[in-house]
Amino acid sequence: MKWTTAIAFLGLTIWAAFDEGIWHPPLWLLYLVMSGLWTMSAIADAEIKMLEKKLGDEA
């Protein structure tokens, strides 16, 4: 779900950059930041799941 949201924000970034123009950054810059945050969150969740699985296998 988080990957889907990150991709959606990236799509909104591209749309906003073309719709408002690349030199009017507030909206597409916000979407780009949100996409980055959701991507980092998804990566962190994957890392946590991997560590939980590794710790569960060792026990």
PDB file of N, CA and C in Angstrom:
ATOM      1  N   MET A   1       0.818  -1.195   0.000  1.00  0.00           N
ATOM      2  CA  MET A   1       0.000   0.000   0.000  1.00  0.00           C
ATOM      3  C   MET A   1       0.864   1.262   0.000  1.00  0.00           C
ATOM      4  N   LYS A   2       1.940   1.244   0.765  1.00  0.00           N
ATOM      5  CA  LYS A   2       2.792   2.433   0.812  1.00  0.00           C
ATOM      6  C   LYS A   2       3.501   2.663  -0.513  1.00  0.00           C
ATOM      7  N   TRP A   3       3.876   1.561  -1.191  1.00  0.00           N
ATOM      8  CA  TRP A   3       4.514   1.721  -2.498  1.00  0.00           C
ATOM      9  C   TRP A   3       3.537   2.346  -3.485  1.00  0.00           C
ATOM     10  N   THR A   4       2.288   1.927  -3.409  1.00  0.00           N
ATOM     11  CA  THR A   4       1.269   2.480  -4.304  1.00  0.00           C
ATOM     12  C   THR A   4       1.094   3.974  -4.056  1.00  0.00           C
ATOM     13  N   THR A   5       1.071   4.353  -2.797  1.00  0.00           N
ATOM     14  CA  THR A   5       0.929   5.766  -2.448  1.00  0.00           C
ATOM     15  C   THR A   5       2.140   6.570  -2.924  1.00  0.00           C
ATOM     16  N   ALA A   6       3.325   6.009  -2.760  1.00  0.00           N
ATOM     17  CA  ALA A   6       4.540   6.701  -3.212  1.00  0.00           C
ATOM     18  C   ALA A   6       4.511   6.908  -4.722  1.00  0.00           C
ATOM     19  N   ILE A   7       4.090   5.884  -5.455  1.00  0.00           N
ATOM     20  CA  ILE A   7       4.001   6.005  -6.917  1.00  0.00           C
ATOM     21  C   ILE A   7       2.924   7.015  -7.306  1.00  0.00           C
ATOM     22  N   ALA A   8       1.822   7.038  -6.558  1.00  0.00           N
ATOM     23  CA  ALA A   8       0.752   8.005  -6.842  1.00  0.00           C
ATOM     24  C   ALA A   8       1.261   9.436  -6.634  1.00  0.00           C
ATOM     25  N   PHE A   9       2.006   9.676  -5.556  1.00  0.00           N
ATOM     26  CA  PHE A   9       2.555  11.016  -5.331  1.00  0.00           C
ATOM     27  C   PHE A   9       3.570  11.376  -6.409  1.00  0.00           C
ATOM     28  N   LEU A  10       4.328  10.396  -6.889  1.00  0.00           N
ATOM     29  CA  LEU A  10       5.273  10.670  -7.969  1.00  0.00           C
ATOM     30  C   LEU A  10       4.523  11.044  -9.247  1.00  0.00           C
ATOM     31  N   GLY A  11       3.416  10.348  -9.512  1.00  0.00           N
ATOM     32  CA  GLY A  11       2.583  10.702 -10.659  1.00  0.00           C
ATOM     33  C   GLY A  11       2.007  12.105 -10.523  1.00  0.00           C
ATOM     34  N   LEU A  12       1.566  12.444  -9.324  1.00  0.00           N
ATOM     35  CA  LEU A  12       1.054  13.799  -9.091  1.00  0.00           C
ATOM     36  C   LEU A  12       2.150  14.841  -9.281  1.00  0.00           C
ATOM     37  N   THR A  13       3.385  14.481  -8.907  1.00  0.00           N
ATOM     38  CA  THR A  13       4.513  15.392  -9.103  1.00  0.00           C
ATOM     39  C   THR A  13       4.692  15.718 -10.577  1.00  0.00           C
ATOM     40  N   ILE A  14       4.685  14.671 -11.401  1.00  0.00           N
ATOM     41  CA  ILE A  14       4.860  14.868 -12.844  1.00  0.00           C
ATOM     42  C   ILE A  14       3.697  15.684 -13.413  1.00  0.00           C
ATOM     43  N   TRP A  15       2.486  15.335 -13.000  1.00  0.00           N
ATOM     44  CA  TRP A  15       1.307  16.071 -13.482  1.00  0.00           C
ATOM     45  C   TRP A  15       1.388  17.547 -13.100  1.00  0.00           C
ATOM     46  N   ALA A  16       1.699  17.821 -11.817  1.00  0.00           N
ATOM     47  CA  ALA A  16       1.740  19.206 -11.345  1.00  0.00           C
ATOM     48  C   ALA A  16       2.860  19.987 -12.030  1.00  0.00           C
ATOM     49  N   ALA A  17       3.996  19.328 -12.279  1.00  0.00           N
ATOM     50  CA  ALA A  17       5.105  20.024 -12.937  1.00  0.00           C
ATOM     51  C   ALA A  17       4.716  20.455 -14.351  1.00  0.00           C
ATOM     52  N   PHE A  18       3.985  19.596 -15.062  1.00  0.00           N
ATOM     53  CA  PHE A  18       3.568  19.967 -16.421  1.00  0.00           C
ATOM     54  C   PHE A  18       2.365  20.904 -16.414  1.00  0.00           C
ATOM     55  N   ASP A  19       1.475  20.747 -15.445  1.00  0.00           N
ATOM     56  CA  ASP A  19       0.262  21.567 -15.406  1.00  0.00           C
ATOM     57  C   ASP A  19       0.569  22.997 -14.975  1.00  0.00           C
ATOM     58  N   GLU A  20       1.371  23.147 -13.929  1.00  0.00           N
ATOM     59  CA  GLU A  20       1.661  24.480 -13.396  1.00  0.00           C
ATOM     60  C   GLU A  20       2.932  25.075 -13.977  1.00  0.00           C
ATOM     61  N   GLY A  21       3.701  24.268 -14.621  1.00  0.00           N
ATOM     62  CA  GLY A  21       4.978  24.740 -15.155  1.00  0.00           C
ATOM     63  C   GLY A  21       6.099  24.429 -14.177  1.00  0.00           C
ATOM     64  N   ILE A  22       7.223  24.085 -14.725  1.00  0.00           N
ATOM     65  CA  ILE A  22       8.349  23.640 -13.899  1.00  0.00           C
ATOM     66  C   ILE A  22       8.894  24.774 -13.029  1.00  0.00           C
ATOM     67  N   TRP A  23       8.619  26.025 -13.405  1.00  0.00           N
ATOM     68  CA  TRP A  23       9.172  27.147 -12.655  1.00  0.00           C
ATOM     69  C   TRP A  23       8.238  27.626 -11.551  1.00  0.00           C
ATOM     70  N   HIS A  24       7.133  26.949 -11.363  1.00  0.00           N
ATOM     71  CA  HIS A  24       6.203  27.284 -10.276  1.00  0.00           C
ATOM     72  C   HIS A  24       6.177  26.088  -9.311  1.00  0.00           C
ATOM     73  N   PRO A  25       7.185  25.986  -8.457  1.00  0.00           N
ATOM     74  CA  PRO A  25       7.436  24.732  -7.760  1.00  0.00           C
ATOM     75  C   PRO A  25       6.596  24.365  -6.539  1.00  0.00           C
ATOM     76  N   PRO A  26       5.829  25.215  -5.900  1.00  0.00           N
ATOM     77  CA  PRO A  26       5.268  24.803  -4.611  1.00  0.00           C
ATOM     78  C   PRO A  26       4.482  23.489  -4.626  1.00  0.00           C
ATOM     79  N   LEU A  27       3.605  23.294  -5.594  1.00  0.00           N
ATOM     80  CA  LEU A  27       2.761  22.107  -5.583  1.00  0.00           C
ATOM     81  C   LEU A  27       3.539  20.857  -5.956  1.00  0.00           C
ATOM     82  N   TRP A  28       4.291  20.887  -7.053  1.00  0.00           N
ATOM     83  CA  TRP A  28       4.998  19.670  -7.445  1.00  0.00           C
ATOM     84  C   TRP A  28       6.150  19.361  -6.512  1.00  0.00           C
ATOM     85  N   LEU A  29       6.725  20.373  -5.875  1.00  0.00           N
ATOM     86  CA  LEU A  29       7.781  20.128  -4.887  1.00  0.00           C
ATOM     87  C   LEU A  29       7.205  19.429  -3.656  1.00  0.00           C
ATOM     88  N   LEU A  30       6.010  19.842  -3.237  1.00  0.00           N
ATOM     89  CA  LEU A  30       5.332  19.176  -2.125  1.00  0.00           C
ATOM     90  C   LEU A  30       5.060  17.712  -2.450  1.00  0.00           C
ATOM     91  N   TYR A  31       4.556  17.447  -3.647  1.00  0.00           N
ATOM     92  CA  TYR A  31       4.284  16.065  -4.048  1.00  0.00           C
ATOM     93  C   TYR A  31       5.565  15.235  -4.108  1.00  0.00           C
ATOM     94  N   LEU A  32       6.654  15.845  -4.574  1.00  0.00           N
ATOM     95  CA  LEU A  32       7.924  15.134  -4.647  1.00  0.00           C
ATOM     96  C   LEU A  32       8.423  14.766  -3.244  1.00  0.00           C
ATOM     97  N   VAL A  33       8.298  15.693  -2.309  1.00  0.00           N
ATOM     98  CA  VAL A  33       8.698  15.423  -0.924  1.00  0.00           C
ATOM     99  C   VAL A  33       7.828  14.322  -0.325  1.00  0.00           C
ATOM    100  N   MET A  34       6.530  14.383  -0.558  1.00  0.00           N
ATOM    101  CA  MET A  34       5.628  13.349  -0.027  1.00  0.00           C
ATOM    102  C   MET A  34       5.956  11.980  -0.623  1.00  0.00           C
ATOM    103  N   SER A  35       6.272  11.941  -1.913  1.00  0.00           N
ATOM    104  CA  SER A  35       6.652  10.678  -2.557  1.00  0.00           C
ATOM    105  C   SER A  35       7.910  10.108  -1.900  1.00  0.00           C
ATOM    106  N   GLY A  36       8.872  10.963  -1.637  1.00  0.00           N
ATOM    107  CA  GLY A  36      10.102  10.525  -0.970  1.00  0.00           C
ATOM    108  C   GLY A  36       9.847  10.003   0.428  1.00  0.00           C
ATOM    109  N   LEU A  37       8.999  10.688   1.168  1.00  0.00           N
ATOM    110  CA  LEU A  37       8.686  10.243   2.527  1.00  0.00           C
ATOM    111  C   LEU A  37       7.975   8.896   2.538  1.00  0.00           C
ATOM    112  N   TRP A  38       7.000   8.724   1.638  1.00  0.00           N
ATOM    113  CA  TRP A  38       6.287   7.443   1.561  1.00  0.00           C
ATOM    114  C   TRP A  38       7.221   6.331   1.116  1.00  0.00           C
ATOM    115  N   THR A  39       8.152   6.634   0.202  1.00  0.00           N
ATOM    116  CA  THR A  39       9.110   5.619  -0.247  1.00  0.00           C
ATOM    117  C   THR A  39      10.022   5.203   0.901  1.00  0.00           C
ATOM    118  N   MET A  40      10.526   6.170   1.664  1.00  0.00           N
ATOM    119  CA  MET A  40      11.371   5.840   2.808  1.00  0.00           C
ATOM    120  C   MET A  40      10.602   5.028   3.837  1.00  0.00           C
ATOM    121  N   SER A  41       9.349   5.355   4.048  1.00  0.00           N
ATOM    122  CA  SER A  41       8.518   4.613   4.980  1.00  0.00           C
ATOM    123  C   SER A  41       8.315   3.171   4.517  1.00  0.00           C
ATOM    124  N   ALA A  42       8.094   2.980   3.224  1.00  0.00           N
ATOM    125  CA  ALA A  42       7.911   1.630   2.682  1.00  0.00           C
ATOM    126  C   ALA A  42       9.196   0.819   2.809  1.00  0.00           C
ATOM    127  N   ILE A  43      10.328   1.450   2.552  1.00  0.00           N
ATOM    128  CA  ILE A  43      11.610   0.760   2.682  1.00  0.00           C
ATOM    129  C   ILE A  43      11.860   0.385   4.146  1.00  0.00           C
ATOM    130  N   ALA A  44      11.558   1.290   5.064  1.00  0.00           N
ATOM    131  CA  ALA A  44      11.736   1.002   6.488  1.00  0.00           C
ATOM    132  C   ALA A  44      10.845  -0.158   6.929  1.00  0.00           C
ATOM    133  N   ASP A  45       9.601  -0.199   6.462  1.00  0.00           N
ATOM    134  CA  ASP A  45       8.707  -1.309   6.793  1.00  0.00           C
ATOM    135  C   ASP A  45       9.250  -2.631   6.274  1.00  0.00           C
ATOM    136  N   ALA A  46       9.799  -2.619   5.060  1.00  0.00           N
ATOM    137  CA  ALA A  46      10.373  -3.838   4.491  1.00  0.00           C
ATOM    138  C   ALA A  46      11.588  -4.290   5.300  1.00  0.00           C
ATOM    139  N   GLU A  47      12.407  -3.344   5.732  1.00  0.00           N
ATOM    140  CA  GLU A  47      13.567  -3.677   6.560  1.00  0.00           C
ATOM    141  C   GLU A  47      13.146  -4.269   7.898  1.00  0.00           C
ATOM    142  N   ILE A  48      12.133  -3.693   8.517  1.00  0.00           N
ATOM    143  CA  ILE A  48      11.642  -4.190   9.804  1.00  0.00           C
ATOM    144  C   ILE A  48      11.099  -5.612   9.657  1.00  0.00           C
ATOM    145  N   LYS A  49      10.323  -5.851   8.611  1.00  0.00           N
ATOM    146  CA  LYS A  49       9.789  -7.201   8.374  1.00  0.00           C
ATOM    147  C   LYS A  49      10.907  -8.196   8.144  1.00  0.00           C
ATOM    148  N   MET A  50      11.948  -7.774   7.414  1.00  0.00           N
ATOM    149  CA  MET A  50      13.071  -8.659   7.154  1.00  0.00           C
ATOM    150  C   MET A  50      13.811  -8.992   8.456  1.00  0.00           C
ATOM    151  N   LEU A  51      14.013  -7.990   9.319  1.00  0.00           N
ATOM    152  CA  LEU A  51      14.686  -8.225  10.592  1.00  0.00           C
ATOM    153  C   LEU A  51      13.843  -9.093  11.522  1.00  0.00           C
ATOM    154  N   GLU A  52      12.532  -8.869  11.531  1.00  0.00           N
ATOM    155  CA  GLU A  52      11.660  -9.706  12.358  1.00  0.00           C
ATOM    156  C   GLU A  52      11.718 -11.156  11.902  1.00  0.00           C
ATOM    157  N   LYS A  53      11.743 -11.366  10.599  1.00  0.00           N
ATOM    158  CA  LYS A  53      11.823 -12.726  10.073  1.00  0.00           C
ATOM    159  C   LYS A  53      13.162 -13.352  10.432  1.00  0.00           C
ATOM    160  N   LYS A  54      14.236 -12.570  10.313  1.00  0.00           N
ATOM    161  CA  LYS A  54      15.569 -13.077  10.637  1.00  0.00           C
ATOM    162  C   LYS A  54      15.661 -13.432  12.115  1.00  0.00           C
ATOM    163  N   LEU A  55      15.129 -12.589  12.978  1.00  0.00           N
ATOM    164  CA  LEU A  55      15.161 -12.867  14.420  1.00  0.00           C
ATOM    165  C   LEU A  55      14.272 -14.062  14.764  1.00  0.00           C
ATOM    166  N   GLY A  56      13.154 -14.202  14.066  1.00  0.00           N
ATOM    167  CA  GLY A  56      12.265 -15.339  14.295  1.00  0.00           C
ATOM    168  C   GLY A  56      12.903 -16.646  13.874  1.00  0.00           C
ATOM    169  N   ASP A  57      13.702 -16.625  12.804  1.00  0.00           N
ATOM    170  CA  ASP A  57      14.382 -17.832  12.324  1.00  0.00           C
ATOM    171  C   ASP A  57      15.501 -18.252  13.263  1.00  0.00           C
ATOM    172  N   GLU A  58      16.128 -17.278  13.916  1.00  0.00           N
ATOM    173  CA  GLU A  58      17.233 -17.587  14.827  1.00  0.00           C
ATOM    174  C   GLU A  58      16.748 -18.141  16.155  1.00  0.00           C
ATOM    175  N   ALA A  59      15.538 -17.802  16.546  1.00  0.00           N
ATOM    176  CA  ALA A  59      15.031 -18.231  17.859  1.00  0.00           C
ATOM    177  C   ALA A  59      14.685 -19.705  17.896  1.00  0.00           C
TER     178      ALA A  59
END
